[in-house]
Amino acid sequence: PVVRMHPDDAHAAGVTDGESATVTSAHGRITATVAVDPSVRVGAV
């Protein structure tokens, strides 16, 4: 599994391209590899 993020959001979250990250919501969480992608809108995962 991969999550794509804008470079600004990845920097703010303290994660880097290719690093394992945890995505958490109010209902649960998943673990995935970060893909830094400038085509993803700022604020979106």
All heavy atoms as atom14 arrays in JSON, in Angstrom:
{
  "sequence": "PVVRMHPDDAHAAGVTDGESATVTSAHGRITATVAVDPSVRVGAV",
  "atom14_mask": [
    [1, 1, 1, 1, 1, 1, 1, 0, 0, 0, 0, 0, 0, 0],
    [1, 1, 1, 1, 1, 1, 1, 0, 0, 0, 0, 0, 0, 0],
    [1, 1, 1, 1, 1, 1, 1, 0, 0, 0, 0, 0, 0, 0],
    [1, 1, 1, 1, 1, 1, 1, 1, 1, 1, 1, 0, 0, 0],
    [1, 1, 1, 1, 1, 1, 1, 1, 0, 0, 0, 0, 0, 0],
    [1, 1, 1, 1, 1, 1, 1, 1, 1, 1, 0, 0, 0, 0],
    [1, 1, 1, 1, 1, 1, 1, 0, 0, 0, 0, 0, 0, 0],
    [1, 1, 1, 1, 1, 1, 1, 1, 0, 0, 0, 0, 0, 0],
    [1, 1, 1, 1, 1, 1, 1, 1, 0, 0, 0, 0, 0, 0],
    [1, 1, 1, 1, 1, 0, 0, 0, 0, 0, 0, 0, 0, 0],
    [1, 1, 1, 1, 1, 1, 1, 1, 1, 1, 0, 0, 0, 0],
    [1, 1, 1, 1, 1, 0, 0, 0, 0, 0, 0, 0, 0, 0],
    [1, 1, 1, 1, 1, 0, 0, 0, 0, 0, 0, 0, 0, 0],
    [1, 1, 1, 1, 0, 0, 0, 0, 0, 0, 0, 0, 0, 0],
    [1, 1, 1, 1, 1, 1, 1, 0, 0, 0, 0, 0, 0, 0],
    [1, 1, 1, 1, 1, 1, 1, 0, 0, 0, 0, 0, 0, 0],
    [1, 1, 1, 1, 1, 1, 1, 1, 0, 0, 0, 0, 0, 0],
    [1, 1, 1, 1, 0, 0, 0, 0, 0, 0, 0, 0, 0, 0],
    [1, 1, 1, 1, 1, 1, 1, 1, 1, 0, 0, 0, 0, 0],
    [1, 1, 1, 1, 1, 1, 0, 0, 0, 0, 0, 0, 0, 0],
    [1, 1, 1, 1, 1, 0, 0, 0, 0, 0, 0, 0, 0, 0],
    [1, 1, 1, 1, 1, 1, 1, 0, 0, 0, 0, 0, 0, 0],
    [1, 1, 1, 1, 1, 1, 1, 0, 0, 0, 0, 0, 0, 0],
    [1, 1, 1, 1, 1, 1, 1, 0, 0, 0, 0, 0, 0, 0],
    [1, 1, 1, 1, 1, 1, 0, 0, 0, 0, 0, 0, 0, 0],
    [1, 1, 1, 1, 1, 0, 0, 0, 0, 0, 0, 0, 0, 0],
    [1, 1, 1, 1, 1, 1, 1, 1, 1, 1, 0, 0, 0, 0],
    [1, 1, 1, 1, 0, 0, 0, 0, 0, 0, 0, 0, 0, 0],
    [1, 1, 1, 1, 1, 1, 1, 1, 1, 1, 1, 0, 0, 0],
    [1, 1, 1, 1, 1, 1, 1, 1, 0, 0, 0, 0, 0, 0],
    [1, 1, 1, 1, 1, 1, 1, 0, 0, 0, 0, 0, 0, 0],
    [1, 1, 1, 1, 1, 0, 0, 0, 0, 0, 0, 0, 0, 0],
    [1, 1, 1, 1, 1, 1, 1, 0, 0, 0, 0, 0, 0, 0],
    [1, 1, 1, 1, 1, 1, 1, 0, 0, 0, 0, 0, 0, 0],
    [1, 1, 1, 1, 1, 0, 0, 0, 0, 0, 0, 0, 0, 0],
    [1, 1, 1, 1, 1, 1, 1, 0, 0, 0, 0, 0, 0, 0],
    [1, 1, 1, 1, 1, 1, 1, 1, 0, 0, 0, 0, 0, 0],
    [1, 1, 1, 1, 1, 1, 1, 0, 0, 0, 0, 0, 0, 0],
    [1, 1, 1, 1, 1, 1, 0, 0, 0, 0, 0, 0, 0, 0],
    [1, 1, 1, 1, 1, 1, 1, 0, 0, 0, 0, 0, 0, 0],
    [1, 1, 1, 1, 1, 1, 1, 1, 1, 1, 1, 0, 0, 0],
    [1, 1, 1, 1, 1, 1, 1, 0, 0, 0, 0, 0, 0, 0],
    [1, 1, 1, 1, 0, 0, 0, 0, 0, 0, 0, 0, 0, 0],
    [1, 1, 1, 1, 1, 0, 0, 0, 0, 0, 0, 0, 0, 0],
    [1, 1, 1, 1, 1, 1, 1, 0, 0, 0, 0, 0, 0, 0]
  ],
  "atom14_positions": [
    [[0.83, -1.21, 0.0], [0.0, 0.0, 0.0], [0.86, 1.26, 0.0], [1.93, 1.31, 0.61], [-0.8, -0.12, 1.3], [0.02, -1.0, 2.18], [0.71, -1.97, 1.26], [0.0, 0.0, 0.0], [0.0, 0.0, 0.0], [0.0, 0.0, 0.0], [0.0, 0.0, 0.0], [0.0, 0.0, 0.0], [0.0, 0.0, 0.0], [0.0, 0.0, 0.0]],
    [[0.37, 2.28, -0.71], [1.08, 3.55, -0.85], [0.12, 4.69, -0.57], [-1.06, 4.64, -0.95], [1.66, 3.7, -2.28], [2.28, 5.08, -2.47], [2.7, 2.62, -2.55], [0.0, 0.0, 0.0], [0.0, 0.0, 0.0], [0.0, 0.0, 0.0], [0.0, 0.0, 0.0], [0.0, 0.0, 0.0], [0.0, 0.0, 0.0], [0.0, 0.0, 0.0]],
    [[0.6, 5.73, 0.11], [-0.15, 6.97, 0.26], [0.64, 8.09, -0.41], [1.85, 8.21, -0.22], [-0.44, 7.32, 1.74], [-1.4, 6.33, 2.35], [0.84, 7.4, 2.55], [0.0, 0.0, 0.0], [0.0, 0.0, 0.0], [0.0, 0.0, 0.0], [0.0, 0.0, 0.0], [0.0, 0.0, 0.0], [0.0, 0.0, 0.0], [0.0, 0.0, 0.0]],
    [[-0.05, 8.87, -1.22], [0.61, 9.95, -1.95], [0.28, 11.28, -1.29], [-0.87, 11.55, -0.95], [0.17, 9.94, -3.42], [0.61, 8.69, -4.14], [0.22, 8.71, -5.62], [0.77, 7.53, -6.29], [1.98, 7.45, -6.8], [2.79, 8.5, -6.75], [2.4, 6.35, -7.38], [0.0, 0.0, 0.0], [0.0, 0.0, 0.0], [0.0, 0.0, 0.0]],
    [[1.31, 12.12, -1.14], [1.16, 13.41, -0.48], [1.93, 14.48, -1.24], [2.95, 14.19, -1.88], [1.69, 13.35, 0.97], [1.09, 12.26, 1.83], [1.91, 12.18, 3.45], [1.55, 13.82, 4.11], [0.0, 0.0, 0.0], [0.0, 0.0, 0.0], [0.0, 0.0, 0.0], [0.0, 0.0, 0.0], [0.0, 0.0, 0.0], [0.0, 0.0, 0.0]],
    [[1.47, 15.7, -1.13], [2.21, 16.83, -1.69], [3.5, 17.02, -0.87], [3.51, 16.77, 0.34], [1.35, 18.09, -1.64], [1.94, 19.24, -2.37], [2.85, 20.1, -1.78], [1.75, 19.69, -3.64], [3.2, 21.02, -2.65], [2.55, 20.81, -3.79], [0.0, 0.0, 0.0], [0.0, 0.0, 0.0], [0.0, 0.0, 0.0], [0.0, 0.0, 0.0]],
    [[4.58, 17.47, -1.49], [5.85, 17.66, -0.75], [5.7, 18.55, 0.48], [6.32, 18.28, 1.52], [6.76, 18.3, -1.8], [6.23, 17.84, -3.1], [4.75, 17.74, -2.94], [0.0, 0.0, 0.0], [0.0, 0.0, 0.0], [0.0, 0.0, 0.0], [0.0, 0.0, 0.0], [0.0, 0.0, 0.0], [0.0, 0.0, 0.0], [0.0, 0.0, 0.0]],
    [[4.89, 19.6, 0.39], [4.71, 20.49, 1.55], [4.07, 19.75, 2.72], [4.46, 19.93, 3.88], [3.86, 21.71, 1.17], [4.56, 22.61, 0.17], [5.77, 22.42, -0.06], [3.87, 23.49, -0.4], [0.0, 0.0, 0.0], [0.0, 0.0, 0.0], [0.0, 0.0, 0.0], [0.0, 0.0, 0.0], [0.0, 0.0, 0.0], [0.0, 0.0, 0.0]],
    [[3.07, 18.91, 2.42], [2.4, 18.17, 3.49], [3.31, 17.1, 4.08], [3.29, 16.85, 5.29], [1.11, 17.51, 2.95], [0.03, 18.53, 2.63], [-0.02, 19.57, 3.31], [-0.76, 18.28, 1.71], [0.0, 0.0, 0.0], [0.0, 0.0, 0.0], [0.0, 0.0, 0.0], [0.0, 0.0, 0.0], [0.0, 0.0, 0.0], [0.0, 0.0, 0.0]],
    [[4.1, 16.46, 3.23], [5.03, 15.45, 3.73], [6.06, 16.1, 4.66], [6.38, 15.55, 5.73], [5.72, 14.76, 2.56], [0.0, 0.0, 0.0], [0.0, 0.0, 0.0], [0.0, 0.0, 0.0], [0.0, 0.0, 0.0], [0.0, 0.0, 0.0], [0.0, 0.0, 0.0], [0.0, 0.0, 0.0], [0.0, 0.0, 0.0], [0.0, 0.0, 0.0]],
    [[6.56, 17.26, 4.27], [7.52, 17.97, 5.12], [6.9, 18.35, 6.45], [7.5, 18.17, 7.52], [8.03, 19.21, 4.39], [8.99, 20.03, 5.2], [10.29, 19.66, 5.44], [8.8, 21.23, 5.86], [10.88, 20.56, 6.2], [10.01, 21.53, 6.46], [0.0, 0.0, 0.0], [0.0, 0.0, 0.0], [0.0, 0.0, 0.0], [0.0, 0.0, 0.0]],
    [[5.66, 18.87, 6.4], [4.99, 19.27, 7.64], [4.71, 18.08, 8.55], [4.74, 18.21, 9.78], [3.68, 20.0, 7.29], [0.0, 0.0, 0.0], [0.0, 0.0, 0.0], [0.0, 0.0, 0.0], [0.0, 0.0, 0.0], [0.0, 0.0, 0.0], [0.0, 0.0, 0.0], [0.0, 0.0, 0.0], [0.0, 0.0, 0.0], [0.0, 0.0, 0.0]],
    [[4.46, 16.91, 7.96], [4.18, 15.71, 8.75], [5.44, 15.02, 9.22], [5.38, 14.08, 10.02], [3.33, 14.74, 7.94], [0.0, 0.0, 0.0], [0.0, 0.0, 0.0], [0.0, 0.0, 0.0], [0.0, 0.0, 0.0], [0.0, 0.0, 0.0], [0.0, 0.0, 0.0], [0.0, 0.0, 0.0], [0.0, 0.0, 0.0], [0.0, 0.0, 0.0]],
    [[6.6, 15.45, 8.7], [7.85, 14.85, 9.11], [8.11, 13.49, 8.5], [8.78, 12.64, 9.1], [0.0, 0.0, 0.0], [0.0, 0.0, 0.0], [0.0, 0.0, 0.0], [0.0, 0.0, 0.0], [0.0, 0.0, 0.0], [0.0, 0.0, 0.0], [0.0, 0.0, 0.0], [0.0, 0.0, 0.0], [0.0, 0.0, 0.0], [0.0, 0.0, 0.0]],
    [[7.6, 13.26, 7.27], [7.82, 11.99, 6.59], [8.5, 12.27, 5.25], [8.39, 13.36, 4.7], [6.5, 11.23, 6.36], [5.88, 10.82, 7.69], [5.51, 12.06, 5.55], [0.0, 0.0, 0.0], [0.0, 0.0, 0.0], [0.0, 0.0, 0.0], [0.0, 0.0, 0.0], [0.0, 0.0, 0.0], [0.0, 0.0, 0.0], [0.0, 0.0, 0.0]],
    [[9.2, 11.27, 4.75], [9.94, 11.43, 3.5], [9.51, 10.38, 2.49], [8.9, 9.36, 2.84], [11.46, 11.32, 3.74], [11.73, 10.02, 4.33], [11.93, 12.4, 4.69], [0.0, 0.0, 0.0], [0.0, 0.0, 0.0], [0.0, 0.0, 0.0], [0.0, 0.0, 0.0], [0.0, 0.0, 0.0], [0.0, 0.0, 0.0], [0.0, 0.0, 0.0]],
    [[9.88, 10.62, 1.25], [9.52, 9.7, 0.17], [10.11, 8.32, 0.43], [11.29, 8.17, 0.75], [10.04, 10.25, -1.16], [9.54, 9.44, -2.34], [8.35, 9.51, -2.65], [10.37, 8.73, -2.95], [0.0, 0.0, 0.0], [0.0, 0.0, 0.0], [0.0, 0.0, 0.0], [0.0, 0.0, 0.0], [0.0, 0.0, 0.0], [0.0, 0.0, 0.0]],
    [[9.27, 7.28, 0.32], [9.71, 5.91, 0.54], [9.68, 5.46, 1.98], [9.95, 4.29, 2.27], [0.0, 0.0, 0.0], [0.0, 0.0, 0.0], [0.0, 0.0, 0.0], [0.0, 0.0, 0.0], [0.0, 0.0, 0.0], [0.0, 0.0, 0.0], [0.0, 0.0, 0.0], [0.0, 0.0, 0.0], [0.0, 0.0, 0.0], [0.0, 0.0, 0.0]],
    [[9.32, 6.36, 2.9], [9.27, 6.02, 4.32], [7.91, 5.43, 4.68], [6.89, 5.78, 4.09], [9.52, 7.28, 5.15], [9.57, 7.02, 6.66], [9.87, 8.29, 7.44], [9.81, 9.39, 6.83], [10.15, 8.2, 8.64], [0.0, 0.0, 0.0], [0.0, 0.0, 0.0], [0.0, 0.0, 0.0], [0.0, 0.0, 0.0], [0.0, 0.0, 0.0]],
    [[7.9, 4.53, 5.64], [6.66, 3.97, 6.14], [5.97, 4.96, 7.05], [6.6, 5.58, 7.91], [6.93, 2.67, 6.9], [5.73, 2.14, 7.43], [0.0, 0.0, 0.0], [0.0, 0.0, 0.0], [0.0, 0.0, 0.0], [0.0, 0.0, 0.0], [0.0, 0.0, 0.0], [0.0, 0.0, 0.0], [0.0, 0.0, 0.0], [0.0, 0.0, 0.0]],
    [[4.66, 5.14, 6.85], [3.9, 6.1, 7.65], [2.58, 5.48, 8.07], [2.08, 4.53, 7.45], [3.64, 7.38, 6.85], [0.0, 0.0, 0.0], [0.0, 0.0, 0.0], [0.0, 0.0, 0.0], [0.0, 0.0, 0.0], [0.0, 0.0, 0.0], [0.0, 0.0, 0.0], [0.0, 0.0, 0.0], [0.0, 0.0, 0.0], [0.0, 0.0, 0.0]],
    [[2.02, 6.02, 9.13], [0.72, 5.58, 9.64], [-0.31, 6.66, 9.35], [-0.1, 7.83, 9.68], [0.77, 5.31, 11.15], [1.73, 4.28, 11.41], [-0.59, 4.87, 11.67], [0.0, 0.0, 0.0], [0.0, 0.0, 0.0], [0.0, 0.0, 0.0], [0.0, 0.0, 0.0], [0.0, 0.0, 0.0], [0.0, 0.0, 0.0], [0.0, 0.0, 0.0]],
    [[-1.39, 6.27, 8.7], [-2.5, 7.17, 8.41], [-3.62, 6.83, 9.39], [-4.08, 5.69, 9.44], [-2.99, 7.03, 6.96], [-4.1, 8.03, 6.67], [-1.83, 7.21, 5.99], [0.0, 0.0, 0.0], [0.0, 0.0, 0.0], [0.0, 0.0, 0.0], [0.0, 0.0, 0.0], [0.0, 0.0, 0.0], [0.0, 0.0, 0.0], [0.0, 0.0, 0.0]],
    [[-4.06, 7.83, 10.16], [-5.03, 7.6, 11.22], [-6.26, 8.48, 11.0], [-6.15, 9.66, 10.67], [-4.42, 7.93, 12.6], [-3.21, 7.18, 12.76], [-5.38, 7.57, 13.71], [0.0, 0.0, 0.0], [0.0, 0.0, 0.0], [0.0, 0.0, 0.0], [0.0, 0.0, 0.0], [0.0, 0.0, 0.0], [0.0, 0.0, 0.0], [0.0, 0.0, 0.0]],
    [[-7.44, 7.88, 11.18], [-8.7, 8.62, 11.18], [-9.39, 8.38, 12.51], [-8.87, 7.69, 13.39], [-9.59, 8.17, 10.02], [-10.16, 6.89, 10.3], [0.0, 0.0, 0.0], [0.0, 0.0, 0.0], [0.0, 0.0, 0.0], [0.0, 0.0, 0.0], [0.0, 0.0, 0.0], [0.0, 0.0, 0.0], [0.0, 0.0, 0.0], [0.0, 0.0, 0.0]],
    [[-10.6, 8.89, 12.65], [-11.36, 8.67, 13.88], [-11.81, 7.22, 14.01], [-12.26, 6.81, 15.08], [-12.57, 9.6, 13.91], [0.0, 0.0, 0.0], [0.0, 0.0, 0.0], [0.0, 0.0, 0.0], [0.0, 0.0, 0.0], [0.0, 0.0, 0.0], [0.0, 0.0, 0.0], [0.0, 0.0, 0.0], [0.0, 0.0, 0.0], [0.0, 0.0, 0.0]],
    [[-11.69, 6.42, 12.93], [-12.23, 5.07, 12.93], [-11.17, 3.98, 12.88], [-11.48, 2.81, 13.11], [-13.18, 4.9, 11.74], [-14.15, 6.02, 11.59], [-15.13, 6.27, 12.53], [-14.29, 6.97, 10.63], [-15.84, 7.32, 12.14], [-15.35, 7.76, 11.01], [0.0, 0.0, 0.0], [0.0, 0.0, 0.0], [0.0, 0.0, 0.0], [0.0, 0.0, 0.0]],
    [[-9.93, 4.33, 12.55], [-8.9, 3.3, 12.47], [-7.63, 3.85, 11.85], [-7.46, 5.06, 11.7], [0.0, 0.0, 0.0], [0.0, 0.0, 0.0], [0.0, 0.0, 0.0], [0.0, 0.0, 0.0], [0.0, 0.0, 0.0], [0.0, 0.0, 0.0], [0.0, 0.0, 0.0], [0.0, 0.0, 0.0], [0.0, 0.0, 0.0], [0.0, 0.0, 0.0]],
    [[-6.75, 2.93, 11.49], [-5.47, 3.35, 10.93], [-4.95, 2.31, 9.95], [-5.32, 1.14, 10.01], [-4.45, 3.58, 12.03], [-4.09, 2.32, 12.83], [-3.11, 2.64, 13.94], [-3.66, 3.66, 14.85], [-2.93, 4.33, 15.74], [-1.63, 4.08, 15.84], [-3.49, 5.23, 16.53], [0.0, 0.0, 0.0], [0.0, 0.0, 0.0], [0.0, 0.0, 0.0]],
    [[-4.09, 2.77, 9.04], [-3.39, 1.88, 8.12], [-1.93, 2.31, 8.08], [-1.59, 3.45, 8.41], [-3.97, 1.92, 6.69], [-3.84, 3.32, 6.09], [-5.42, 1.46, 6.69], [-4.21, 3.39, 4.61], [0.0, 0.0, 0.0], [0.0, 0.0, 0.0], [0.0, 0.0, 0.0], [0.0, 0.0, 0.0], [0.0, 0.0, 0.0], [0.0, 0.0, 0.0]],
    [[-1.07, 1.39, 7.68], [0.35, 1.68, 7.49], [0.67, 1.53, 6.01], [0.28, 0.54, 5.38], [1.22, 0.73, 8.32], [0.9, 0.88, 9.7], [2.69, 1.03, 8.11], [0.0, 0.0, 0.0], [0.0, 0.0, 0.0], [0.0, 0.0, 0.0], [0.0, 0.0, 0.0], [0.0, 0.0, 0.0], [0.0, 0.0, 0.0], [0.0, 0.0, 0.0]],
    [[1.36, 2.5, 5.45], [1.65, 2.48, 4.02], [2.95, 3.23, 3.75], [3.47, 3.95, 4.61], [0.51, 3.11, 3.23], [0.0, 0.0, 0.0], [0.0, 0.0, 0.0], [0.0, 0.0, 0.0], [0.0, 0.0, 0.0], [0.0, 0.0, 0.0], [0.0, 0.0, 0.0], [0.0, 0.0, 0.0], [0.0, 0.0, 0.0], [0.0, 0.0, 0.0]],
    [[3.48, 3.05, 2.56], [4.69, 3.75, 2.14], [4.33, 5.11, 1.56], [3.39, 5.24, 0.76], [5.44, 2.93, 1.08], [5.78, 1.66, 1.64], [6.7, 3.63, 0.63], [0.0, 0.0, 0.0], [0.0, 0.0, 0.0], [0.0, 0.0, 0.0], [0.0, 0.0, 0.0], [0.0, 0.0, 0.0], [0.0, 0.0, 0.0], [0.0, 0.0, 0.0]],
    [[5.07, 6.13, 1.95], [4.82, 7.49, 1.47], [5.4, 7.66, 0.07], [6.54, 7.26, -0.2], [5.44, 8.53, 2.43], [5.31, 9.94, 1.84], [4.77, 8.45, 3.79], [0.0, 0.0, 0.0], [0.0, 0.0, 0.0], [0.0, 0.0, 0.0], [0.0, 0.0, 0.0], [0.0, 0.0, 0.0], [0.0, 0.0, 0.0], [0.0, 0.0, 0.0]],
    [[4.6, 8.24, -0.82], [5.08, 8.64, -2.13], [4.87, 10.15, -2.24], [3.73, 10.62, -2.29], [4.33, 7.91, -3.24], [0.0, 0.0, 0.0], [0.0, 0.0, 0.0], [0.0, 0.0, 0.0], [0.0, 0.0, 0.0], [0.0, 0.0, 0.0], [0.0, 0.0, 0.0], [0.0, 0.0, 0.0], [0.0, 0.0, 0.0], [0.0, 0.0, 0.0]],
    [[5.96, 10.91, -2.22], [5.85, 12.36, -2.35], [5.54, 12.68, -3.8], [6.28, 12.31, -4.7], [7.16, 13.04, -1.89], [7.09, 14.54, -2.13], [7.4, 12.74, -0.41], [0.0, 0.0, 0.0], [0.0, 0.0, 0.0], [0.0, 0.0, 0.0], [0.0, 0.0, 0.0], [0.0, 0.0, 0.0], [0.0, 0.0, 0.0], [0.0, 0.0, 0.0]],
    [[4.42, 13.38, -4.0], [3.91, 13.59, -5.35], [3.37, 15.01, -5.48], [2.33, 15.35, -4.92], [2.8, 12.57, -5.63], [2.29, 12.63, -7.06], [2.63, 13.57, -7.78], [1.54, 11.71, -7.45], [0.0, 0.0, 0.0], [0.0, 0.0, 0.0], [0.0, 0.0, 0.0], [0.0, 0.0, 0.0], [0.0, 0.0, 0.0], [0.0, 0.0, 0.0]],
    [[4.06, 15.88, -6.24], [3.61, 17.26, -6.36], [2.29, 17.41, -7.1], [1.67, 18.47, -7.05], [4.75, 17.94, -7.15], [5.45, 16.83, -7.85], [5.33, 15.63, -6.95], [0.0, 0.0, 0.0], [0.0, 0.0, 0.0], [0.0, 0.0, 0.0], [0.0, 0.0, 0.0], [0.0, 0.0, 0.0], [0.0, 0.0, 0.0], [0.0, 0.0, 0.0]],
    [[1.82, 16.34, -7.77], [0.54, 16.43, -8.48], [-0.65, 16.27, -7.53], [-1.79, 16.55, -7.92], [0.46, 15.37, -9.58], [0.37, 14.07, -9.03], [0.0, 0.0, 0.0], [0.0, 0.0, 0.0], [0.0, 0.0, 0.0], [0.0, 0.0, 0.0], [0.0, 0.0, 0.0], [0.0, 0.0, 0.0], [0.0, 0.0, 0.0], [0.0, 0.0, 0.0]],
    [[-0.39, 15.83, -6.3], [-1.46, 15.71, -5.31], [-1.71, 17.09, -4.7], [-0.76, 17.8, -4.35], [-1.08, 14.7, -4.21], [-2.16, 14.66, -3.13], [-0.9, 13.31, -4.81], [0.0, 0.0, 0.0], [0.0, 0.0, 0.0], [0.0, 0.0, 0.0], [0.0, 0.0, 0.0], [0.0, 0.0, 0.0], [0.0, 0.0, 0.0], [0.0, 0.0, 0.0]],
    [[-2.93, 17.44, -4.56], [-3.29, 18.76, -4.03], [-2.84, 18.9, -2.57], [-2.91, 17.94, -1.79], [-4.8, 18.95, -4.14], [-5.28, 20.3, -3.66], [-6.76, 20.46, -3.96], [-7.29, 21.71, -3.45], [-8.5, 22.18, -3.71], [-9.31, 21.48, -4.5], [-8.9, 23.32, -3.2], [0.0, 0.0, 0.0], [0.0, 0.0, 0.0], [0.0, 0.0, 0.0]],
    [[-2.4, 20.08, -2.21], [-2.03, 20.35, -0.82], [-3.25, 20.1, 0.07], [-4.36, 20.52, -0.22], [-1.55, 21.81, -0.66], [-1.34, 22.14, 0.81], [-0.26, 22.03, -1.45], [0.0, 0.0, 0.0], [0.0, 0.0, 0.0], [0.0, 0.0, 0.0], [0.0, 0.0, 0.0], [0.0, 0.0, 0.0], [0.0, 0.0, 0.0], [0.0, 0.0, 0.0]],
    [[-3.01, 19.38, 1.17], [-4.08, 19.09, 2.11], [-4.76, 17.75, 1.89], [-5.59, 17.34, 2.68], [0.0, 0.0, 0.0], [0.0, 0.0, 0.0], [0.0, 0.0, 0.0], [0.0, 0.0, 0.0], [0.0, 0.0, 0.0], [0.0, 0.0, 0.0], [0.0, 0.0, 0.0], [0.0, 0.0, 0.0], [0.0, 0.0, 0.0], [0.0, 0.0, 0.0]],
    [[-4.38, 17.04, 0.79], [-5.0, 15.76, 0.47], [-4.01, 14.62, 0.64], [-2.82, 14.75, 0.34], [-5.53, 15.78, -0.96], [0.0, 0.0, 0.0], [0.0, 0.0, 0.0], [0.0, 0.0, 0.0], [0.0, 0.0, 0.0], [0.0, 0.0, 0.0], [0.0, 0.0, 0.0], [0.0, 0.0, 0.0], [0.0, 0.0, 0.0], [0.0, 0.0, 0.0]],
    [[-4.52, 13.49, 1.11], [-3.75, 12.26, 1.19], [-4.46, 11.25, 0.29], [-5.62, 10.93, 0.5], [-3.69, 11.72, 2.64], [-2.99, 10.36, 2.67], [-2.97, 12.71, 3.54], [0.0, 0.0, 0.0], [0.0, 0.0, 0.0], [0.0, 0.0, 0.0], [0.0, 0.0, 0.0], [0.0, 0.0, 0.0], [0.0, 0.0, 0.0], [0.0, 0.0, 0.0]]
  ]
}
